[in-house]
Amino acid sequence: MLLSFIAFTNAINAQSASTIGFSFAYGSRVLNIDDSLNLPNDSTFLRITELKFYISNIRFLKNGEVVLEEKNSFHLVDANQIIPNQILVENKQNIAFDEIKFDLGIDSITNVSGAMGGDLDPTKGMYWTWQNGYINFKLEGTSQLCKTRNNEFTFHLGGYQQPYYCLQTLHFKTNNSSTMNFKLDVQKILNQVDLAKTNHVMSPCEEAVILSKIVANAFNLLQN
């Protein structure tokens, strides 16, 4: 009876929440951290060693109007986690929606508030200093295209002040499903980067803004 009650409770909780999941790919292949990938039309190899980013300010819309938004909405997504990268947003009233919006990164107000706790804790490795604030998106790896030490490339994208404001707002039409799965295709990012020339971005700058826009366009909602 106890197990039945727990299962029933979990089913009720699932019905009163929306689950947002993230998966990672390199083109048609599943991306596993530290796996080597043979680059298309190239004899070199690519290895992704770190992939992390912030998702924040999650809100749901109906006919263009916000009908539900998550409070204290800050989530660190880490491709190196063993457990699935899922965000659970309460929707106790089962409010209908047809669009989801969220930010890729951390807003300026939160940045000027200084280092915080939870997923915003500096020990998560996503905080520069009070002057530069949080890293919105982090991608690291190696490629023989990079003429750097150990063929490494490092992209730490962030910046909360103009002209280097890097936060990106993503929005997707959805079918009001309780589960939404987003795929980040790293190939779409690196296809637009000449790693031989651009392989080291680690502070707010024009390149960080350009790359942030490229990253935002690499997300795709997988509809059920």
N, C-alpha and C. Protein backbone atom coordinates (compact mmCIF):
# COMPACT_ATOMS: atom_id res chain seq x y z
N MET A 1 0.82 -1.21 0.00
CA MET A 1 0.00 0.00 0.00
C MET A 1 0.86 1.26 0.00
N LEU A 2 1.98 1.22 0.75
CA LEU A 2 2.87 2.37 0.81
C LEU A 2 3.46 2.67 -0.56
N LEU A 3 3.90 1.60 -1.26
CA LEU A 3 4.47 1.80 -2.59
C LEU A 3 3.43 2.34 -3.56
N SER A 4 2.22 1.89 -3.42
CA SER A 4 1.14 2.38 -4.28
C SER A 4 0.88 3.85 -4.03
N PHE A 5 0.94 4.24 -2.75
CA PHE A 5 0.70 5.64 -2.39
C PHE A 5 1.81 6.53 -2.95
N ILE A 6 3.07 6.07 -2.85
CA ILE A 6 4.20 6.84 -3.38
C ILE A 6 4.07 7.00 -4.89
N ALA A 7 3.72 5.91 -5.58
CA ALA A 7 3.55 5.97 -7.03
C ALA A 7 2.43 6.93 -7.41
N PHE A 8 1.34 6.89 -6.63
CA PHE A 8 0.21 7.79 -6.90
C PHE A 8 0.62 9.24 -6.68
N THR A 9 1.36 9.49 -5.59
CA THR A 9 1.83 10.86 -5.28
C THR A 9 2.75 11.38 -6.38
N ASN A 10 3.67 10.53 -6.85
CA ASN A 10 4.59 10.93 -7.91
C ASN A 10 3.83 11.24 -9.20
N ALA A 11 2.79 10.47 -9.47
CA ALA A 11 1.99 10.71 -10.67
C ALA A 11 1.27 12.05 -10.58
N ILE A 12 0.75 12.38 -9.39
CA ILE A 12 0.08 13.66 -9.19
C ILE A 12 1.05 14.80 -9.36
N ASN A 13 2.27 14.65 -8.77
CA ASN A 13 3.28 15.70 -8.88
C ASN A 13 3.68 15.92 -10.33
N ALA A 14 3.81 14.80 -11.09
CA ALA A 14 4.21 14.91 -12.49
C ALA A 14 3.15 15.65 -13.30
N GLN A 15 1.88 15.44 -12.94
CA GLN A 15 0.81 16.09 -13.67
C GLN A 15 0.75 17.58 -13.37
N SER A 16 1.28 18.00 -12.21
CA SER A 16 1.20 19.40 -11.81
C SER A 16 2.52 20.14 -12.04
N ALA A 17 3.32 19.63 -12.94
CA ALA A 17 4.61 20.26 -13.24
C ALA A 17 4.96 20.02 -14.70
N SER A 18 5.80 20.90 -15.21
CA SER A 18 6.33 20.75 -16.56
C SER A 18 7.82 20.41 -16.45
N THR A 19 8.23 19.40 -17.17
CA THR A 19 9.62 18.96 -17.14
C THR A 19 10.34 19.45 -18.40
N ILE A 20 11.46 20.13 -18.18
CA ILE A 20 12.28 20.63 -19.28
C ILE A 20 13.61 19.87 -19.25
N GLY A 21 13.86 19.11 -20.31
CA GLY A 21 15.07 18.31 -20.36
C GLY A 21 16.03 18.79 -21.44
N PHE A 22 17.31 18.47 -21.26
CA PHE A 22 18.34 18.88 -22.22
C PHE A 22 19.20 17.68 -22.60
N SER A 23 19.44 17.53 -23.90
CA SER A 23 20.35 16.52 -24.40
C SER A 23 21.35 17.20 -25.33
N PHE A 24 22.40 16.45 -25.70
CA PHE A 24 23.51 17.06 -26.42
C PHE A 24 23.91 16.18 -27.60
N ALA A 25 24.21 16.84 -28.70
CA ALA A 25 24.53 16.10 -29.93
C ALA A 25 25.63 16.81 -30.69
N TYR A 26 26.25 16.04 -31.57
CA TYR A 26 27.16 16.61 -32.56
C TYR A 26 26.63 16.12 -33.91
N GLY A 27 25.80 16.94 -34.54
CA GLY A 27 25.12 16.51 -35.75
C GLY A 27 24.14 15.40 -35.44
N SER A 28 24.28 14.28 -36.12
CA SER A 28 23.37 13.15 -35.92
C SER A 28 23.81 12.23 -34.79
N ARG A 29 24.93 12.54 -34.17
CA ARG A 29 25.47 11.66 -33.13
C ARG A 29 25.24 12.22 -31.73
N VAL A 30 24.99 11.32 -30.79
CA VAL A 30 24.89 11.72 -29.39
C VAL A 30 26.27 12.17 -28.93
N LEU A 31 26.29 13.29 -28.22
CA LEU A 31 27.56 13.83 -27.74
C LEU A 31 27.81 13.36 -26.31
N ASN A 32 28.88 12.62 -26.14
CA ASN A 32 29.33 12.20 -24.82
C ASN A 32 30.65 12.91 -24.51
N ILE A 33 30.70 13.53 -23.35
CA ILE A 33 31.90 14.28 -22.98
C ILE A 33 33.12 13.38 -23.02
N ASP A 34 34.20 13.89 -23.60
CA ASP A 34 35.50 13.23 -23.73
C ASP A 34 35.57 12.21 -24.85
N ASP A 35 34.44 11.96 -25.55
CA ASP A 35 34.51 11.09 -26.73
C ASP A 35 35.18 11.85 -27.87
N SER A 36 35.93 11.14 -28.70
CA SER A 36 36.52 11.75 -29.88
C SER A 36 35.54 11.65 -31.03
N LEU A 37 35.42 12.72 -31.80
CA LEU A 37 34.52 12.75 -32.94
C LEU A 37 35.32 13.08 -34.20
N ASN A 38 35.08 12.33 -35.25
CA ASN A 38 35.76 12.60 -36.51
C ASN A 38 35.03 13.72 -37.22
N LEU A 39 35.69 14.84 -37.40
CA LEU A 39 35.05 15.99 -38.03
C LEU A 39 34.74 15.70 -39.50
N PRO A 40 33.58 16.13 -39.98
CA PRO A 40 33.21 15.90 -41.38
C PRO A 40 34.23 16.53 -42.34
N ASN A 41 34.58 15.79 -43.40
CA ASN A 41 35.48 16.29 -44.45
C ASN A 41 36.83 16.73 -43.89
N ASP A 42 37.25 16.08 -42.84
CA ASP A 42 38.49 16.49 -42.20
C ASP A 42 39.14 15.26 -41.57
N SER A 43 40.44 15.24 -41.54
CA SER A 43 41.16 14.11 -40.96
C SER A 43 41.49 14.34 -39.49
N THR A 44 41.10 15.49 -38.96
CA THR A 44 41.41 15.80 -37.56
C THR A 44 40.33 15.25 -36.65
N PHE A 45 40.58 15.36 -35.36
CA PHE A 45 39.64 14.86 -34.37
C PHE A 45 39.23 15.98 -33.42
N LEU A 46 38.01 15.89 -32.99
CA LEU A 46 37.46 16.86 -32.04
C LEU A 46 37.09 16.15 -30.76
N ARG A 47 37.41 16.76 -29.63
CA ARG A 47 37.00 16.22 -28.34
C ARG A 47 36.42 17.34 -27.50
N ILE A 48 35.21 17.14 -27.00
CA ILE A 48 34.58 18.10 -26.09
C ILE A 48 34.86 17.63 -24.67
N THR A 49 35.46 18.49 -23.87
CA THR A 49 35.82 18.10 -22.50
C THR A 49 34.94 18.76 -21.45
N GLU A 50 34.28 19.86 -21.81
CA GLU A 50 33.38 20.52 -20.85
C GLU A 50 32.31 21.30 -21.60
N LEU A 51 31.08 21.18 -21.10
CA LEU A 51 29.95 21.89 -21.68
C LEU A 51 28.95 22.19 -20.58
N LYS A 52 28.83 23.48 -20.23
CA LYS A 52 27.94 23.92 -19.17
C LYS A 52 27.30 25.24 -19.56
N PHE A 53 26.08 25.46 -19.08
CA PHE A 53 25.43 26.74 -19.35
C PHE A 53 24.29 26.97 -18.37
N TYR A 54 23.90 28.24 -18.27
CA TYR A 54 22.80 28.63 -17.38
C TYR A 54 21.51 28.81 -18.18
N ILE A 55 20.44 28.25 -17.64
CA ILE A 55 19.09 28.51 -18.11
C ILE A 55 18.37 29.27 -17.00
N SER A 56 17.74 30.40 -17.35
CA SER A 56 17.10 31.23 -16.32
C SER A 56 15.82 31.87 -16.86
N ASN A 57 15.07 32.46 -15.93
CA ASN A 57 13.88 33.24 -16.28
C ASN A 57 12.92 32.45 -17.18
N ILE A 58 12.58 31.25 -16.74
CA ILE A 58 11.68 30.39 -17.52
C ILE A 58 10.25 30.90 -17.39
N ARG A 59 9.59 31.09 -18.54
CA ARG A 59 8.18 31.48 -18.50
C ARG A 59 7.43 30.82 -19.65
N PHE A 60 6.14 30.62 -19.41
CA PHE A 60 5.25 29.99 -20.38
C PHE A 60 4.21 31.01 -20.83
N LEU A 61 3.87 30.96 -22.11
CA LEU A 61 2.96 31.95 -22.68
C LEU A 61 1.77 31.26 -23.36
N LYS A 62 0.69 32.00 -23.43
CA LYS A 62 -0.48 31.58 -24.18
C LYS A 62 -0.95 32.78 -25.00
N ASN A 63 -1.00 32.60 -26.32
CA ASN A 63 -1.38 33.69 -27.22
C ASN A 63 -0.54 34.95 -27.00
N GLY A 64 0.74 34.74 -26.73
CA GLY A 64 1.67 35.86 -26.58
C GLY A 64 1.73 36.48 -25.20
N GLU A 65 0.91 35.99 -24.26
CA GLU A 65 0.88 36.55 -22.90
C GLU A 65 1.47 35.55 -21.92
N VAL A 66 2.28 36.04 -20.97
CA VAL A 66 2.86 35.17 -19.95
C VAL A 66 1.77 34.67 -19.02
N VAL A 67 1.64 33.34 -18.88
CA VAL A 67 0.61 32.76 -18.01
C VAL A 67 1.24 32.03 -16.83
N LEU A 68 2.53 31.75 -16.90
CA LEU A 68 3.21 31.04 -15.83
C LEU A 68 4.69 31.35 -15.92
N GLU A 69 5.31 31.68 -14.79
CA GLU A 69 6.75 31.89 -14.77
C GLU A 69 7.33 31.34 -13.48
N GLU A 70 8.54 30.85 -13.58
CA GLU A 70 9.20 30.25 -12.44
C GLU A 70 9.90 31.32 -11.60
N LYS A 71 9.72 31.26 -10.29
CA LYS A 71 10.39 32.19 -9.39
C LYS A 71 11.81 31.70 -9.11
N ASN A 72 12.70 32.64 -8.86
CA ASN A 72 14.11 32.30 -8.60
C ASN A 72 14.62 31.29 -9.63
N SER A 73 14.45 31.66 -10.87
CA SER A 73 14.66 30.73 -11.99
C SER A 73 16.10 30.76 -12.48
N PHE A 74 16.96 29.95 -11.85
CA PHE A 74 18.36 29.86 -12.25
C PHE A 74 18.77 28.39 -12.21
N HIS A 75 19.20 27.85 -13.34
CA HIS A 75 19.56 26.44 -13.41
C HIS A 75 20.85 26.26 -14.19
N LEU A 76 21.77 25.50 -13.61
CA LEU A 76 23.02 25.18 -14.29
C LEU A 76 22.88 23.82 -14.95
N VAL A 77 23.05 23.78 -16.25
CA VAL A 77 22.97 22.54 -17.02
C VAL A 77 24.40 22.10 -17.34
N ASP A 78 24.72 20.85 -17.01
CA ASP A 78 26.08 20.35 -17.16
C ASP A 78 26.04 19.05 -17.95
N ALA A 79 26.63 19.04 -19.13
CA ALA A 79 26.60 17.85 -19.99
C ALA A 79 27.39 16.69 -19.40
N ASN A 80 28.20 16.97 -18.40
CA ASN A 80 29.03 15.93 -17.79
C ASN A 80 28.32 15.21 -16.65
N GLN A 81 27.10 15.63 -16.33
CA GLN A 81 26.35 14.97 -15.28
C GLN A 81 25.91 13.58 -15.73
N ILE A 82 25.94 12.65 -14.80
CA ILE A 82 25.46 11.30 -15.10
C ILE A 82 23.94 11.27 -15.13
N ILE A 83 23.32 11.98 -14.17
CA ILE A 83 21.86 12.03 -14.13
C ILE A 83 21.35 12.94 -15.23
N PRO A 84 20.12 12.72 -15.72
CA PRO A 84 19.58 13.57 -16.79
C PRO A 84 19.50 15.04 -16.38
N ASN A 85 19.77 15.93 -17.31
CA ASN A 85 19.64 17.36 -17.05
C ASN A 85 18.19 17.77 -17.24
N GLN A 86 17.45 17.80 -16.13
CA GLN A 86 16.03 18.12 -16.18
C GLN A 86 15.68 19.22 -15.19
N ILE A 87 14.79 20.09 -15.62
CA ILE A 87 14.29 21.18 -14.78
C ILE A 87 12.80 20.95 -14.60
N LEU A 88 12.33 20.97 -13.35
CA LEU A 88 10.92 20.77 -13.03
C LEU A 88 10.30 22.10 -12.63
N VAL A 89 9.32 22.56 -13.39
CA VAL A 89 8.64 23.83 -13.12
C VAL A 89 7.22 23.53 -12.66
N GLU A 90 6.88 23.98 -11.46
CA GLU A 90 5.54 23.72 -10.92
C GLU A 90 4.45 24.37 -11.77
N ASN A 91 3.40 23.60 -11.99
CA ASN A 91 2.22 24.09 -12.71
C ASN A 91 1.00 23.43 -12.07
N LYS A 92 0.76 23.77 -10.81
CA LYS A 92 -0.26 23.10 -10.01
C LYS A 92 -1.67 23.27 -10.58
N GLN A 93 -1.89 24.36 -11.28
CA GLN A 93 -3.22 24.61 -11.84
C GLN A 93 -3.35 24.09 -13.27
N ASN A 94 -2.30 23.38 -13.74
CA ASN A 94 -2.29 22.84 -15.10
C ASN A 94 -2.67 23.91 -16.12
N ILE A 95 -2.01 25.06 -16.02
CA ILE A 95 -2.27 26.18 -16.92
C ILE A 95 -1.83 25.82 -18.34
N ALA A 96 -2.68 26.07 -19.30
CA ALA A 96 -2.37 25.76 -20.69
C ALA A 96 -1.44 26.82 -21.26
N PHE A 97 -0.55 26.41 -22.15
CA PHE A 97 0.38 27.33 -22.79
C PHE A 97 0.69 26.83 -24.19
N ASP A 98 1.17 27.72 -25.03
CA ASP A 98 1.55 27.33 -26.39
C ASP A 98 2.95 27.81 -26.78
N GLU A 99 3.67 28.34 -25.80
CA GLU A 99 5.02 28.84 -26.07
C GLU A 99 5.82 28.84 -24.78
N ILE A 100 7.11 28.57 -24.90
CA ILE A 100 8.01 28.64 -23.76
C ILE A 100 9.15 29.59 -24.09
N LYS A 101 9.53 30.40 -23.11
CA LYS A 101 10.67 31.30 -23.24
C LYS A 101 11.62 31.08 -22.06
N PHE A 102 12.89 31.22 -22.33
CA PHE A 102 13.87 31.21 -21.25
C PHE A 102 15.13 31.92 -21.72
N ASP A 103 15.94 32.31 -20.75
CA ASP A 103 17.18 33.01 -21.07
C ASP A 103 18.35 32.05 -21.00
N LEU A 104 19.26 32.22 -21.91
CA LEU A 104 20.53 31.51 -21.88
C LEU A 104 21.53 32.45 -21.23
N GLY A 105 21.75 32.24 -19.93
CA GLY A 105 22.64 33.12 -19.20
C GLY A 105 21.97 33.75 -17.99
N ILE A 106 22.67 34.70 -17.39
CA ILE A 106 22.24 35.35 -16.16
C ILE A 106 22.04 36.84 -16.42
N ASP A 107 20.92 37.37 -15.95
CA ASP A 107 20.57 38.77 -16.22
C ASP A 107 21.48 39.74 -15.47
N SER A 108 21.45 40.99 -15.86
CA SER A 108 22.37 42.00 -15.32
C SER A 108 22.10 42.28 -13.84
N ILE A 109 20.82 42.28 -13.43
CA ILE A 109 20.50 42.57 -12.02
C ILE A 109 21.11 41.52 -11.12
N THR A 110 20.99 40.25 -11.51
CA THR A 110 21.57 39.17 -10.71
C THR A 110 23.09 39.27 -10.70
N ASN A 111 23.67 39.65 -11.82
CA ASN A 111 25.13 39.78 -11.90
C ASN A 111 25.66 40.84 -10.94
N VAL A 112 24.97 41.97 -10.85
CA VAL A 112 25.46 43.04 -9.98
C VAL A 112 25.14 42.78 -8.51
N SER A 113 24.38 41.72 -8.25
CA SER A 113 24.07 41.36 -6.86
C SER A 113 25.20 40.59 -6.20
N GLY A 114 26.24 40.25 -6.98
CA GLY A 114 27.38 39.53 -6.43
C GLY A 114 27.16 38.03 -6.47
N ALA A 115 28.16 37.29 -6.03
CA ALA A 115 28.09 35.83 -6.04
C ALA A 115 26.99 35.35 -5.10
N MET A 116 26.27 34.31 -5.50
CA MET A 116 25.14 33.81 -4.73
C MET A 116 25.31 32.31 -4.48
N GLY A 117 24.24 31.65 -3.98
CA GLY A 117 24.31 30.24 -3.65
C GLY A 117 23.58 29.38 -4.65
N GLY A 118 23.40 28.09 -4.30
CA GLY A 118 22.73 27.16 -5.18
C GLY A 118 23.50 26.98 -6.48
N ASP A 119 22.78 26.93 -7.60
CA ASP A 119 23.44 26.79 -8.89
C ASP A 119 24.28 28.02 -9.24
N LEU A 120 24.07 29.12 -8.53
CA LEU A 120 24.84 30.34 -8.78
C LEU A 120 26.09 30.44 -7.89
N ASP A 121 26.34 29.41 -7.12
CA ASP A 121 27.50 29.41 -6.23
C ASP A 121 28.79 29.44 -7.07
N PRO A 122 29.74 30.30 -6.73
CA PRO A 122 31.00 30.38 -7.49
C PRO A 122 31.76 29.06 -7.57
N THR A 123 31.53 28.14 -6.61
CA THR A 123 32.23 26.86 -6.64
C THR A 123 31.80 26.00 -7.83
N LYS A 124 30.72 26.39 -8.52
CA LYS A 124 30.28 25.66 -9.71
C LYS A 124 31.18 25.94 -10.91
N GLY A 125 32.10 26.89 -10.75
CA GLY A 125 33.04 27.19 -11.83
C GLY A 125 32.48 28.04 -12.94
N MET A 126 31.40 28.79 -12.64
CA MET A 126 30.76 29.61 -13.67
C MET A 126 30.70 31.08 -13.27
N TYR A 127 31.64 31.50 -12.45
CA TYR A 127 31.67 32.89 -11.99
C TYR A 127 33.07 33.44 -12.17
N TRP A 128 33.17 34.58 -12.86
CA TRP A 128 34.47 35.22 -13.04
C TRP A 128 34.82 36.02 -11.78
N THR A 129 34.38 37.26 -11.75
CA THR A 129 34.61 38.16 -10.63
C THR A 129 33.40 39.08 -10.54
N TRP A 130 33.35 39.91 -9.51
CA TRP A 130 32.24 40.86 -9.38
C TRP A 130 32.21 41.81 -10.57
N GLN A 131 33.36 42.03 -11.19
CA GLN A 131 33.42 42.98 -12.31
C GLN A 131 32.83 42.38 -13.59
N ASN A 132 33.13 41.12 -13.86
CA ASN A 132 32.65 40.48 -15.09
C ASN A 132 31.42 39.60 -14.86
N GLY A 133 31.17 39.20 -13.61
CA GLY A 133 29.97 38.44 -13.30
C GLY A 133 30.04 36.98 -13.68
N TYR A 134 28.90 36.45 -14.10
CA TYR A 134 28.77 35.02 -14.38
C TYR A 134 29.12 34.67 -15.82
N ILE A 135 29.59 33.44 -15.99
CA ILE A 135 29.78 32.86 -17.32
C ILE A 135 28.44 32.25 -17.73
N ASN A 136 27.91 32.69 -18.83
CA ASN A 136 26.62 32.17 -19.29
C ASN A 136 26.74 30.78 -19.92
N PHE A 137 27.82 30.61 -20.67
CA PHE A 137 27.99 29.38 -21.45
C PHE A 137 29.47 29.03 -21.50
N LYS A 138 29.77 27.76 -21.28
CA LYS A 138 31.16 27.31 -21.27
C LYS A 138 31.30 26.08 -22.17
N LEU A 139 32.22 26.17 -23.12
CA LEU A 139 32.53 25.05 -24.01
C LEU A 139 34.04 24.93 -24.13
N GLU A 140 34.55 23.75 -23.81
CA GLU A 140 35.98 23.51 -23.88
C GLU A 140 36.24 22.19 -24.59
N GLY A 141 37.39 22.10 -25.24
CA GLY A 141 37.74 20.85 -25.90
C GLY A 141 39.08 20.96 -26.59
N THR A 142 39.34 19.98 -27.43
CA THR A 142 40.58 19.97 -28.21
C THR A 142 40.27 19.65 -29.67
N SER A 143 41.07 20.20 -30.54
CA SER A 143 40.96 19.93 -31.97
C SER A 143 42.32 20.19 -32.60
N GLN A 144 42.70 19.33 -33.51
CA GLN A 144 43.98 19.52 -34.20
C GLN A 144 43.96 20.75 -35.10
N LEU A 145 42.79 21.34 -35.29
CA LEU A 145 42.71 22.59 -36.02
C LEU A 145 43.28 23.75 -35.21
N CYS A 146 43.31 23.60 -33.89
CA CYS A 146 43.78 24.67 -33.00
C CYS A 146 45.30 24.61 -32.87
N LYS A 147 45.95 25.71 -33.21
CA LYS A 147 47.40 25.78 -33.07
C LYS A 147 47.74 26.37 -31.71
N THR A 148 47.18 25.75 -30.69
CA THR A 148 47.37 26.21 -29.32
C THR A 148 48.02 25.09 -28.52
N ARG A 149 48.33 25.41 -27.26
CA ARG A 149 48.93 24.40 -26.39
C ARG A 149 47.96 23.23 -26.23
N ASN A 150 48.43 22.04 -26.52
CA ASN A 150 47.62 20.82 -26.45
C ASN A 150 46.40 20.87 -27.37
N ASN A 151 46.45 21.75 -28.37
CA ASN A 151 45.34 21.89 -29.34
C ASN A 151 44.02 22.23 -28.66
N GLU A 152 44.08 22.99 -27.58
CA GLU A 152 42.87 23.28 -26.80
C GLU A 152 42.12 24.50 -27.34
N PHE A 153 40.80 24.45 -27.22
CA PHE A 153 39.98 25.64 -27.42
C PHE A 153 39.12 25.85 -26.18
N THR A 154 38.88 27.12 -25.86
CA THR A 154 38.17 27.49 -24.65
C THR A 154 37.23 28.64 -24.94
N PHE A 155 35.94 28.41 -24.77
CA PHE A 155 34.95 29.47 -24.96
C PHE A 155 34.16 29.64 -23.66
N HIS A 156 34.43 30.75 -22.96
CA HIS A 156 33.68 31.12 -21.77
C HIS A 156 32.94 32.40 -22.12
N LEU A 157 31.64 32.28 -22.35
CA LEU A 157 30.87 33.40 -22.88
C LEU A 157 30.03 34.04 -21.80
N GLY A 158 30.16 35.34 -21.67
CA GLY A 158 29.39 36.09 -20.68
C GLY A 158 29.67 37.57 -20.82
N GLY A 159 28.99 38.33 -20.01
CA GLY A 159 29.08 39.78 -20.05
C GLY A 159 27.70 40.36 -19.86
N TYR A 160 27.56 41.25 -18.87
CA TYR A 160 26.23 41.79 -18.55
C TYR A 160 26.13 43.29 -18.76
N GLN A 161 27.18 43.89 -19.34
CA GLN A 161 27.15 45.33 -19.59
C GLN A 161 27.34 45.59 -21.09
N GLN A 162 26.65 46.62 -21.56
CA GLN A 162 26.81 47.02 -22.96
C GLN A 162 28.21 47.59 -23.16
N PRO A 163 28.82 47.40 -24.31
CA PRO A 163 28.24 46.78 -25.51
C PRO A 163 28.41 45.27 -25.59
N TYR A 164 28.80 44.64 -24.47
CA TYR A 164 29.09 43.21 -24.49
C TYR A 164 28.08 42.43 -23.65
N TYR A 165 26.81 42.72 -23.87
CA TYR A 165 25.73 42.04 -23.14
C TYR A 165 25.44 40.74 -23.88
N CYS A 166 25.73 39.60 -23.25
CA CYS A 166 25.70 38.31 -23.95
C CYS A 166 24.45 37.47 -23.71
N LEU A 167 23.62 37.82 -22.75
CA LEU A 167 22.43 37.02 -22.48
C LEU A 167 21.55 36.93 -23.72
N GLN A 168 21.04 35.73 -23.99
CA GLN A 168 20.17 35.48 -25.14
C GLN A 168 18.82 34.94 -24.66
N THR A 169 17.75 35.42 -25.25
CA THR A 169 16.42 34.92 -24.94
C THR A 169 15.95 33.99 -26.05
N LEU A 170 15.60 32.76 -25.66
CA LEU A 170 15.14 31.76 -26.61
C LEU A 170 13.64 31.56 -26.44
N HIS A 171 12.92 31.35 -27.52
CA HIS A 171 11.50 31.07 -27.41
C HIS A 171 11.10 30.04 -28.46
N PHE A 172 10.19 29.15 -28.06
CA PHE A 172 9.77 28.05 -28.91
C PHE A 172 8.27 27.83 -28.77
N LYS A 173 7.62 27.61 -29.88
CA LYS A 173 6.24 27.17 -29.86
C LYS A 173 6.20 25.73 -29.37
N THR A 174 5.20 25.40 -28.56
CA THR A 174 5.10 24.06 -28.00
C THR A 174 3.67 23.58 -28.03
N ASN A 175 3.50 22.27 -27.89
CA ASN A 175 2.17 21.69 -27.95
C ASN A 175 1.55 21.48 -26.57
N ASN A 176 1.99 22.28 -25.60
CA ASN A 176 1.44 22.22 -24.24
C ASN A 176 1.73 20.88 -23.56
N SER A 177 2.81 20.24 -23.96
CA SER A 177 3.18 18.98 -23.36
C SER A 177 3.76 19.21 -21.96
N SER A 178 3.56 18.25 -21.08
CA SER A 178 4.14 18.37 -19.73
C SER A 178 5.63 18.09 -19.75
N THR A 179 6.13 17.55 -20.86
CA THR A 179 7.56 17.27 -21.00
C THR A 179 8.09 17.89 -22.29
N MET A 180 9.12 18.70 -22.15
CA MET A 180 9.75 19.34 -23.30
C MET A 180 11.24 19.02 -23.29
N ASN A 181 11.72 18.50 -24.38
CA ASN A 181 13.12 18.11 -24.48
C ASN A 181 13.83 18.98 -25.51
N PHE A 182 14.91 19.61 -25.07
CA PHE A 182 15.70 20.47 -25.95
C PHE A 182 17.03 19.79 -26.27
N LYS A 183 17.43 19.91 -27.52
CA LYS A 183 18.71 19.36 -27.95
C LYS A 183 19.64 20.51 -28.32
N LEU A 184 20.86 20.44 -27.81
CA LEU A 184 21.90 21.39 -28.20
C LEU A 184 22.86 20.68 -29.13
N ASP A 185 22.94 21.17 -30.36
CA ASP A 185 23.81 20.58 -31.37
C ASP A 185 25.11 21.38 -31.44
N VAL A 186 26.17 20.82 -30.88
CA VAL A 186 27.47 21.51 -30.83
C VAL A 186 28.05 21.69 -32.22
N GLN A 187 27.69 20.81 -33.14
CA GLN A 187 28.19 20.96 -34.51
C GLN A 187 27.73 22.27 -35.14
N LYS A 188 26.49 22.69 -34.82
CA LYS A 188 25.98 23.94 -35.35
C LYS A 188 26.78 25.14 -34.84
N ILE A 189 27.38 24.98 -33.68
CA ILE A 189 28.21 26.05 -33.13
C ILE A 189 29.57 26.06 -33.83
N LEU A 190 30.24 24.91 -33.81
CA LEU A 190 31.62 24.86 -34.30
C LEU A 190 31.70 24.98 -35.81
N ASN A 191 30.61 24.68 -36.51
CA ASN A 191 30.61 24.88 -37.96
C ASN A 191 30.76 26.35 -38.34
N GLN A 192 30.43 27.23 -37.39
CA GLN A 192 30.50 28.67 -37.67
C GLN A 192 31.71 29.33 -37.01
N VAL A 193 32.62 28.50 -36.51
CA VAL A 193 33.81 29.02 -35.85
C VAL A 193 35.04 28.46 -36.55
N ASP A 194 35.95 29.33 -36.94
CA ASP A 194 37.23 28.92 -37.50
C ASP A 194 38.18 28.69 -36.33
N LEU A 195 38.28 27.43 -35.90
CA LEU A 195 39.07 27.12 -34.71
C LEU A 195 40.55 27.45 -34.88
N ALA A 196 41.01 27.52 -36.10
CA ALA A 196 42.41 27.88 -36.32
C ALA A 196 42.68 29.34 -35.95
N LYS A 197 41.62 30.17 -36.01
CA LYS A 197 41.77 31.59 -35.73
C LYS A 197 41.09 32.01 -34.42
N THR A 198 39.92 31.42 -34.15
CA THR A 198 39.16 31.77 -32.95
C THR A 198 39.06 30.55 -32.06
N ASN A 199 39.82 30.55 -31.00
CA ASN A 199 39.84 29.37 -30.13
C ASN A 199 39.98 29.70 -28.65
N HIS A 200 39.96 30.99 -28.34
CA HIS A 200 40.19 31.37 -26.94
C HIS A 200 39.40 32.65 -26.64
N VAL A 201 38.20 32.49 -26.09
CA VAL A 201 37.37 33.63 -25.67
C VAL A 201 37.03 33.42 -24.20
N MET A 202 37.53 34.30 -23.33
CA MET A 202 37.38 34.07 -21.89
C MET A 202 37.02 35.33 -21.12
N SER A 203 36.45 36.31 -21.80
CA SER A 203 36.04 37.54 -21.12
C SER A 203 35.00 38.24 -21.98
N PRO A 204 34.24 39.18 -21.40
CA PRO A 204 33.25 39.92 -22.20
C PRO A 204 33.94 40.66 -23.35
N CYS A 205 33.43 40.45 -24.56
CA CYS A 205 34.02 41.08 -25.74
C CYS A 205 33.06 40.90 -26.91
N GLU A 206 33.42 41.50 -28.04
CA GLU A 206 32.57 41.41 -29.22
C GLU A 206 32.44 39.96 -29.70
N GLU A 207 33.53 39.21 -29.66
CA GLU A 207 33.47 37.81 -30.07
C GLU A 207 32.53 37.01 -29.19
N ALA A 208 32.49 37.32 -27.90
CA ALA A 208 31.60 36.61 -26.98
C ALA A 208 30.14 36.86 -27.33
N VAL A 209 29.82 38.08 -27.74
CA VAL A 209 28.45 38.41 -28.14
C VAL A 209 28.07 37.63 -29.40
N ILE A 210 28.95 37.60 -30.38
CA ILE A 210 28.69 36.89 -31.63
C ILE A 210 28.51 35.40 -31.38
N LEU A 211 29.39 34.82 -30.57
CA LEU A 211 29.31 33.39 -30.27
C LEU A 211 28.06 33.06 -29.47
N SER A 212 27.64 33.96 -28.59
CA SER A 212 26.43 33.73 -27.79
C SER A 212 25.21 33.61 -28.69
N LYS A 213 25.15 34.42 -29.72
CA LYS A 213 24.03 34.35 -30.68
C LYS A 213 24.07 33.05 -31.47
N ILE A 214 25.27 32.61 -31.82
CA ILE A 214 25.42 31.34 -32.53
C ILE A 214 24.96 30.18 -31.65
N VAL A 215 25.35 30.21 -30.39
CA VAL A 215 24.95 29.16 -29.45
C VAL A 215 23.43 29.11 -29.31
N ALA A 216 22.79 30.26 -29.17
CA ALA A 216 21.33 30.31 -29.01
C ALA A 216 20.62 29.63 -30.18
N ASN A 217 21.16 29.78 -31.37
CA ASN A 217 20.54 29.19 -32.56
C ASN A 217 20.82 27.69 -32.70
N ALA A 218 21.64 27.15 -31.80
CA ALA A 218 21.97 25.72 -31.86
C ALA A 218 21.02 24.87 -31.02
N PHE A 219 20.07 25.50 -30.34
CA PHE A 219 19.07 24.77 -29.54
C PHE A 219 17.86 24.44 -30.40
N ASN A 220 17.30 23.28 -30.16
CA ASN A 220 16.12 22.85 -30.89
C ASN A 220 15.18 22.13 -29.94
N LEU A 221 13.89 22.42 -30.05
CA LEU A 221 12.87 21.75 -29.23
C LEU A 221 12.40 20.51 -29.96
N LEU A 222 12.54 19.36 -29.29
CA LEU A 222 12.08 18.09 -29.86
C LEU A 222 10.63 17.86 -29.40
N GLN A 223 9.69 18.08 -30.27
CA GLN A 223 8.28 17.92 -29.92
C GLN A 223 7.92 16.45 -29.86
N ASN A 224 7.02 16.11 -28.91
CA ASN A 224 6.55 14.73 -28.78
C ASN A 224 5.62 14.38 -29.94
